[in-house]
Protein backbone atom coordinates (compact mmCIF):
# COMPACT_ATOMS: atom_id res chain seq x y z
CA UNK A 1 0.00 0.00 0.00
CA UNK A 2 2.88 2.34 0.77
CA UNK A 3 4.29 1.76 -2.72
CA UNK A 4 0.99 2.85 -4.31
CA UNK A 5 0.76 5.98 -2.18
CA UNK A 6 4.39 6.92 -2.82
CA UNK A 7 4.04 6.45 -6.58
CA UNK A 8 0.47 7.59 -7.22
CA UNK A 9 1.52 10.07 -9.94
CA UNK A 10 3.50 7.45 -11.84
CA UNK A 11 0.64 4.98 -11.60
CA UNK A 12 -1.85 7.60 -12.80
CA UNK A 13 0.45 8.49 -15.71
CA UNK A 14 0.77 4.82 -16.67
CA UNK A 15 -3.01 4.34 -16.59
CA UNK A 16 -3.70 7.46 -18.66
CA UNK A 17 -1.06 6.63 -21.29
CA UNK A 18 -2.26 3.03 -21.47
CA UNK A 19 -5.82 4.24 -21.92
CA UNK A 20 -4.76 6.58 -24.71
CA UNK A 21 -2.92 3.79 -26.52
CA UNK A 22 -5.92 1.50 -26.18
CA UNK A 23 -8.25 4.21 -27.53
CA UNK A 24 -5.99 4.79 -30.56
CA UNK A 25 -5.74 1.09 -31.36
CA UNK A 26 -9.50 0.61 -31.08
CA UNK A 27 -10.15 3.67 -33.20
CA UNK A 28 -7.64 2.57 -35.84
CA UNK A 29 -9.16 -0.89 -35.98
CA UNK A 30 -12.58 0.31 -37.04
CA UNK A 31 -13.82 -0.19 -40.57
CA UNK A 32 -12.41 2.54 -42.71
CA UNK A 33 -9.45 3.04 -40.42
CA UNK A 34 -6.08 4.28 -41.58
CA UNK A 35 -3.53 1.95 -43.17
CA UNK A 36 0.22 2.32 -42.98
CA UNK A 37 2.24 2.44 -46.21
CA UNK A 38 3.26 -1.20 -45.68
CA UNK A 39 -0.34 -2.33 -45.05
CA UNK A 40 -1.52 -0.41 -48.12
CA UNK A 41 1.15 -2.00 -50.30
CA UNK A 42 0.15 -5.44 -49.04
CA UNK A 43 -3.52 -4.69 -49.77
CA UNK A 44 -2.66 -3.67 -53.33
CA UNK A 45 -0.52 -6.78 -53.90
CA UNK A 46 -2.79 -9.31 -52.21
CA UNK A 47 -6.29 -7.91 -52.68
CA UNK A 48 -5.92 -5.64 -55.74
CA UNK A 49 -6.77 -2.55 -53.69
CA UNK A 50 -6.87 0.74 -55.56
CA UNK A 51 -5.23 3.99 -54.45
CA UNK A 52 -7.58 6.96 -54.87
CA UNK A 53 -5.94 10.36 -54.55
CA UNK A 54 -8.50 12.85 -53.19
CA UNK A 55 -6.22 15.89 -53.39
CA UNK A 56 -6.80 18.67 -55.93
CA UNK A 57 -5.69 17.85 -59.51
CA UNK A 58 -2.74 20.26 -59.34
CA UNK A 59 -1.38 18.50 -56.24
CA UNK A 60 -1.84 15.12 -57.95
CA UNK A 61 0.14 16.32 -60.98
CA UNK A 62 2.97 17.53 -58.72
CA UNK A 63 3.42 14.02 -57.28
CA UNK A 64 1.31 10.95 -56.53
CA UNK A 65 1.49 7.23 -55.84
CA UNK A 66 2.03 5.31 -59.08
CA UNK A 67 -1.15 3.70 -60.43
CA UNK A 68 -3.34 5.87 -58.17
CA UNK A 69 -6.47 7.44 -59.58
CA UNK A 70 -7.19 11.12 -59.14
CA UNK A 71 -10.65 11.82 -57.72
CA UNK A 72 -10.59 15.27 -56.10
CA UNK A 73 -13.20 15.53 -53.36
CA UNK A 74 -14.85 18.40 -55.23
CA UNK A 75 -15.45 16.02 -58.18
CA UNK A 76 -16.44 12.94 -56.17
CA UNK A 77 -20.04 12.82 -57.37
CA UNK A 78 -19.00 12.86 -61.05
CA UNK A 79 -15.87 10.67 -60.92
CA UNK A 80 -16.87 8.01 -58.36
CA UNK A 81 -18.72 6.01 -61.01
CA UNK A 82 -15.39 5.19 -62.68
CA UNK A 83 -14.02 3.43 -59.60
CA UNK A 84 -14.43 -0.29 -58.91
CA UNK A 85 -16.90 -1.07 -56.12
CA UNK A 86 -15.70 -4.67 -55.80
CA UNK A 87 -12.14 -3.77 -54.73
CA UNK A 88 -10.85 -2.11 -51.56
CA UNK A 89 -10.13 1.61 -51.95
CA UNK A 90 -7.28 3.37 -50.14
CA UNK A 91 -7.83 7.11 -50.06
CA UNK A 92 -4.74 9.31 -50.25
CA UNK A 93 -4.72 12.93 -49.12
CA UNK A 94 -1.96 15.36 -48.29
CA UNK A 95 -1.50 14.40 -44.65
CA UNK A 96 -4.07 11.70 -43.93
CA UNK A 97 -6.72 13.78 -42.18
CA UNK A 98 -8.51 14.93 -45.33
CA UNK A 99 -8.70 11.38 -46.71
CA UNK A 100 -9.93 10.05 -43.37
CA UNK A 101 -12.81 12.53 -43.54
CA UNK A 102 -13.58 11.44 -47.11
CA UNK A 103 -14.10 7.78 -46.16
CA UNK A 104 -17.73 8.45 -45.18
CA UNK A 105 -18.38 10.24 -48.48
CA UNK A 106 -17.14 7.25 -50.47
CA UNK A 107 -19.20 4.87 -48.37
CA UNK A 108 -22.26 7.02 -49.03
CA UNK A 109 -21.56 6.53 -52.77
CA UNK A 110 -21.82 2.75 -52.29
CA UNK A 111 -18.19 1.73 -51.76
CA UNK A 112 -18.03 -0.93 -49.06
CA UNK A 113 -14.31 -1.27 -48.33
CA UNK A 114 -12.72 2.15 -47.94
CA UNK A 115 -9.67 3.09 -45.86
CA UNK A 116 -7.34 6.06 -45.73
CA UNK A 117 -3.56 6.07 -46.01
CA UNK A 118 -2.06 6.98 -42.65
CA UNK A 119 -0.12 10.23 -43.03
CA UNK A 120 -1.34 10.69 -46.60
CA UNK A 121 1.20 11.26 -49.34
CA UNK A 122 3.56 12.80 -46.78
CA UNK A 123 3.50 9.57 -44.76
CA UNK A 124 4.06 7.56 -47.93
CA UNK A 125 7.16 9.59 -48.80
CA UNK A 126 8.44 9.43 -45.20
CA UNK A 127 8.14 5.64 -45.36
CA UNK A 128 10.58 5.74 -48.30
CA UNK A 129 7.99 4.77 -50.90
CA UNK A 130 8.24 6.09 -54.48
CA UNK A 131 6.02 8.69 -56.12
CA UNK A 132 5.29 9.48 -59.74
CA UNK A 133 5.01 12.95 -61.26
CA UNK A 134 2.89 14.27 -64.04
C-alpha atoms as a PDB file:
ATOM      1  CA  UNK A   1       0.000   0.000   0.000  1.00  0.00           C
ATOM      2  CA  UNK A   2       2.880   2.344   0.774  1.00  0.00           C
ATOM      3  CA  UNK A   3       4.290   1.761  -2.718  1.00  0.00           C
ATOM      4  CA  UNK A   4       0.989   2.851  -4.308  1.00  0.00           C
ATOM      5  CA  UNK A   5       0.759   5.978  -2.181  1.00  0.00           C
ATOM      6  CA  UNK A   6       4.390   6.922  -2.815  1.00  0.00           C
ATOM      7  CA  UNK A   7       4.036   6.447  -6.583  1.00  0.00           C
ATOM      8  CA  UNK A   8       0.473   7.592  -7.225  1.00  0.00           C
ATOM      9  CA  UNK A   9       1.522  10.070  -9.940  1.00  0.00           C
ATOM     10  CA  UNK A  10       3.499   7.447 -11.839  1.00  0.00           C
ATOM     11  CA  UNK A  11       0.638   4.978 -11.602  1.00  0.00           C
ATOM     12  CA  UNK A  12      -1.845   7.596 -12.796  1.00  0.00           C
ATOM     13  CA  UNK A  13       0.453   8.488 -15.710  1.00  0.00           C
ATOM     14  CA  UNK A  14       0.771   4.819 -16.675  1.00  0.00           C
ATOM     15  CA  UNK A  15      -3.008   4.343 -16.587  1.00  0.00           C
ATOM     16  CA  UNK A  16      -3.697   7.460 -18.658  1.00  0.00           C
ATOM     17  CA  UNK A  17      -1.062   6.632 -21.292  1.00  0.00           C
ATOM     18  CA  UNK A  18      -2.264   3.029 -21.474  1.00  0.00           C
ATOM     19  CA  UNK A  19      -5.822   4.245 -21.922  1.00  0.00           C
ATOM     20  CA  UNK A  20      -4.763   6.582 -24.713  1.00  0.00           C
ATOM     21  CA  UNK A  21      -2.924   3.787 -26.519  1.00  0.00           C
ATOM     22  CA  UNK A  22      -5.923   1.504 -26.175  1.00  0.00           C
ATOM     23  CA  UNK A  23      -8.246   4.209 -27.531  1.00  0.00           C
ATOM     24  CA  UNK A  24      -5.992   4.791 -30.561  1.00  0.00           C
ATOM     25  CA  UNK A  25      -5.735   1.095 -31.364  1.00  0.00           C
ATOM     26  CA  UNK A  26      -9.498   0.613 -31.083  1.00  0.00           C
ATOM     27  CA  UNK A  27     -10.150   3.672 -33.197  1.00  0.00           C
ATOM     28  CA  UNK A  28      -7.640   2.571 -35.840  1.00  0.00           C
ATOM     29  CA  UNK A  29      -9.160  -0.895 -35.981  1.00  0.00           C
ATOM     30  CA  UNK A  30     -12.579   0.308 -37.039  1.00  0.00           C
ATOM     31  CA  UNK A  31     -13.821  -0.188 -40.575  1.00  0.00           C
ATOM     32  CA  UNK A  32     -12.412   2.540 -42.710  1.00  0.00           C
ATOM     33  CA  UNK A  33      -9.447   3.043 -40.423  1.00  0.00           C
ATOM     34  CA  UNK A  34      -6.084   4.279 -41.581  1.00  0.00           C
ATOM     35  CA  UNK A  35      -3.532   1.947 -43.167  1.00  0.00           C
ATOM     36  CA  UNK A  36       0.223   2.324 -42.984  1.00  0.00           C
ATOM     37  CA  UNK A  37       2.239   2.437 -46.209  1.00  0.00           C
ATOM     38  CA  UNK A  38       3.257  -1.204 -45.682  1.00  0.00           C
ATOM     39  CA  UNK A  39      -0.339  -2.325 -45.054  1.00  0.00           C
ATOM     40  CA  UNK A  40      -1.516  -0.413 -48.116  1.00  0.00           C
ATOM     41  CA  UNK A  41       1.154  -1.997 -50.302  1.00  0.00           C
ATOM     42  CA  UNK A  42       0.152  -5.441 -49.040  1.00  0.00           C
ATOM     43  CA  UNK A  43      -3.521  -4.692 -49.769  1.00  0.00           C
ATOM     44  CA  UNK A  44      -2.663  -3.673 -53.334  1.00  0.00           C
ATOM     45  CA  UNK A  45      -0.522  -6.775 -53.902  1.00  0.00           C
ATOM     46  CA  UNK A  46      -2.792  -9.313 -52.213  1.00  0.00           C
ATOM     47  CA  UNK A  47      -6.292  -7.909 -52.683  1.00  0.00           C
ATOM     48  CA  UNK A  48      -5.918  -5.640 -55.737  1.00  0.00           C
ATOM     49  CA  UNK A  49      -6.775  -2.550 -53.685  1.00  0.00           C
ATOM     50  CA  UNK A  50      -6.872   0.743 -55.559  1.00  0.00           C
ATOM     51  CA  UNK A  51      -5.226   3.989 -54.449  1.00  0.00           C
ATOM     52  CA  UNK A  52      -7.579   6.956 -54.874  1.00  0.00           C
ATOM     53  CA  UNK A  53      -5.936  10.363 -54.547  1.00  0.00           C
ATOM     54  CA  UNK A  54      -8.497  12.847 -53.193  1.00  0.00           C
ATOM     55  CA  UNK A  55      -6.216  15.892 -53.388  1.00  0.00           C
ATOM     56  CA  UNK A  56      -6.796  18.667 -55.935  1.00  0.00           C
ATOM     57  CA  UNK A  57      -5.690  17.847 -59.508  1.00  0.00           C
ATOM     58  CA  UNK A  58      -2.736  20.260 -59.344  1.00  0.00           C
ATOM     59  CA  UNK A  59      -1.376  18.499 -56.237  1.00  0.00           C
ATOM     60  CA  UNK A  60      -1.845  15.124 -57.946  1.00  0.00           C
ATOM     61  CA  UNK A  61       0.141  16.323 -60.978  1.00  0.00           C
ATOM     62  CA  UNK A  62       2.968  17.526 -58.724  1.00  0.00           C
ATOM     63  CA  UNK A  63       3.422  14.023 -57.280  1.00  0.00           C
ATOM     64  CA  UNK A  64       1.311  10.948 -56.531  1.00  0.00           C
ATOM     65  CA  UNK A  65       1.492   7.230 -55.843  1.00  0.00           C
ATOM     66  CA  UNK A  66       2.032   5.314 -59.080  1.00  0.00           C
ATOM     67  CA  UNK A  67      -1.145   3.703 -60.429  1.00  0.00           C
ATOM     68  CA  UNK A  68      -3.337   5.865 -58.174  1.00  0.00           C
ATOM     69  CA  UNK A  69      -6.465   7.441 -59.580  1.00  0.00           C
ATOM     70  CA  UNK A  70      -7.195  11.119 -59.141  1.00  0.00           C
ATOM     71  CA  UNK A  71     -10.652  11.825 -57.725  1.00  0.00           C
ATOM     72  CA  UNK A  72     -10.586  15.266 -56.097  1.00  0.00           C
ATOM     73  CA  UNK A  73     -13.203  15.530 -53.365  1.00  0.00           C
ATOM     74  CA  UNK A  74     -14.849  18.403 -55.231  1.00  0.00           C
ATOM     75  CA  UNK A  75     -15.452  16.023 -58.181  1.00  0.00           C
ATOM     76  CA  UNK A  76     -16.438  12.943 -56.173  1.00  0.00           C
ATOM     77  CA  UNK A  77     -20.045  12.822 -57.369  1.00  0.00           C
ATOM     78  CA  UNK A  78     -18.998  12.858 -61.046  1.00  0.00           C
ATOM     79  CA  UNK A  79     -15.870  10.674 -60.919  1.00  0.00           C
ATOM     80  CA  UNK A  80     -16.867   8.013 -58.363  1.00  0.00           C
ATOM     81  CA  UNK A  81     -18.722   6.008 -61.010  1.00  0.00           C
ATOM     82  CA  UNK A  82     -15.394   5.186 -62.681  1.00  0.00           C
ATOM     83  CA  UNK A  83     -14.022   3.434 -59.603  1.00  0.00           C
ATOM     84  CA  UNK A  84     -14.432  -0.294 -58.905  1.00  0.00           C
ATOM     85  CA  UNK A  85     -16.905  -1.071 -56.116  1.00  0.00           C
ATOM     86  CA  UNK A  86     -15.703  -4.668 -55.804  1.00  0.00           C
ATOM     87  CA  UNK A  87     -12.145  -3.769 -54.726  1.00  0.00           C
ATOM     88  CA  UNK A  88     -10.847  -2.111 -51.565  1.00  0.00           C
ATOM     89  CA  UNK A  89     -10.126   1.606 -51.946  1.00  0.00           C
ATOM     90  CA  UNK A  90      -7.279   3.370 -50.144  1.00  0.00           C
ATOM     91  CA  UNK A  91      -7.830   7.108 -50.062  1.00  0.00           C
ATOM     92  CA  UNK A  92      -4.741   9.310 -50.254  1.00  0.00           C
ATOM     93  CA  UNK A  93      -4.722  12.926 -49.122  1.00  0.00           C
ATOM     94  CA  UNK A  94      -1.959  15.358 -48.287  1.00  0.00           C
ATOM     95  CA  UNK A  95      -1.495  14.403 -44.649  1.00  0.00           C
ATOM     96  CA  UNK A  96      -4.072  11.701 -43.927  1.00  0.00           C
ATOM     97  CA  UNK A  97      -6.720  13.781 -42.175  1.00  0.00           C
ATOM     98  CA  UNK A  98      -8.509  14.927 -45.330  1.00  0.00           C
ATOM     99  CA  UNK A  99      -8.705  11.383 -46.713  1.00  0.00           C
ATOM    100  CA  UNK A 100      -9.934  10.047 -43.373  1.00  0.00           C
ATOM    101  CA  UNK A 101     -12.813  12.526 -43.539  1.00  0.00           C
ATOM    102  CA  UNK A 102     -13.583  11.442 -47.115  1.00  0.00           C
ATOM    103  CA  UNK A 103     -14.103   7.778 -46.160  1.00  0.00           C
ATOM    104  CA  UNK A 104     -17.733   8.452 -45.179  1.00  0.00           C
ATOM    105  CA  UNK A 105     -18.383  10.243 -48.481  1.00  0.00           C
ATOM    106  CA  UNK A 106     -17.138   7.253 -50.467  1.00  0.00           C
ATOM    107  CA  UNK A 107     -19.197   4.872 -48.366  1.00  0.00           C
ATOM    108  CA  UNK A 108     -22.258   7.015 -49.033  1.00  0.00           C
ATOM    109  CA  UNK A 109     -21.559   6.530 -52.767  1.00  0.00           C
ATOM    110  CA  UNK A 110     -21.816   2.747 -52.290  1.00  0.00           C
ATOM    111  CA  UNK A 111     -18.188   1.726 -51.764  1.00  0.00           C
ATOM    112  CA  UNK A 112     -18.032  -0.931 -49.059  1.00  0.00           C
ATOM    113  CA  UNK A 113     -14.305  -1.269 -48.335  1.00  0.00           C
ATOM    114  CA  UNK A 114     -12.716   2.151 -47.939  1.00  0.00           C
ATOM    115  CA  UNK A 115      -9.669   3.089 -45.855  1.00  0.00           C
ATOM    116  CA  UNK A 116      -7.339   6.060 -45.726  1.00  0.00           C
ATOM    117  CA  UNK A 117      -3.559   6.074 -46.006  1.00  0.00           C
ATOM    118  CA  UNK A 118      -2.055   6.985 -42.650  1.00  0.00           C
ATOM    119  CA  UNK A 119      -0.122  10.229 -43.028  1.00  0.00           C
ATOM    120  CA  UNK A 120      -1.342  10.690 -46.595  1.00  0.00           C
ATOM    121  CA  UNK A 121       1.199  11.257 -49.342  1.00  0.00           C
ATOM    122  CA  UNK A 122       3.555  12.805 -46.783  1.00  0.00           C
ATOM    123  CA  UNK A 123       3.497   9.570 -44.763  1.00  0.00           C
ATOM    124  CA  UNK A 124       4.055   7.562 -47.931  1.00  0.00           C
ATOM    125  CA  UNK A 125       7.163   9.586 -48.801  1.00  0.00           C
ATOM    126  CA  UNK A 126       8.444   9.431 -45.199  1.00  0.00           C
ATOM    127  CA  UNK A 127       8.142   5.637 -45.359  1.00  0.00           C
ATOM    128  CA  UNK A 128      10.576   5.740 -48.303  1.00  0.00           C
ATOM    129  CA  UNK A 129       7.985   4.774 -50.895  1.00  0.00           C
ATOM    130  CA  UNK A 130       8.240   6.091 -54.479  1.00  0.00           C
ATOM    131  CA  UNK A 131       6.025   8.692 -56.116  1.00  0.00           C
ATOM    132  CA  UNK A 132       5.294   9.484 -59.745  1.00  0.00           C
ATOM    133  CA  UNK A 133       5.007  12.949 -61.259  1.00  0.00           C
ATOM    134  CA  UNK A 134       2.885  14.272 -64.044  1.00  0.00           C
END
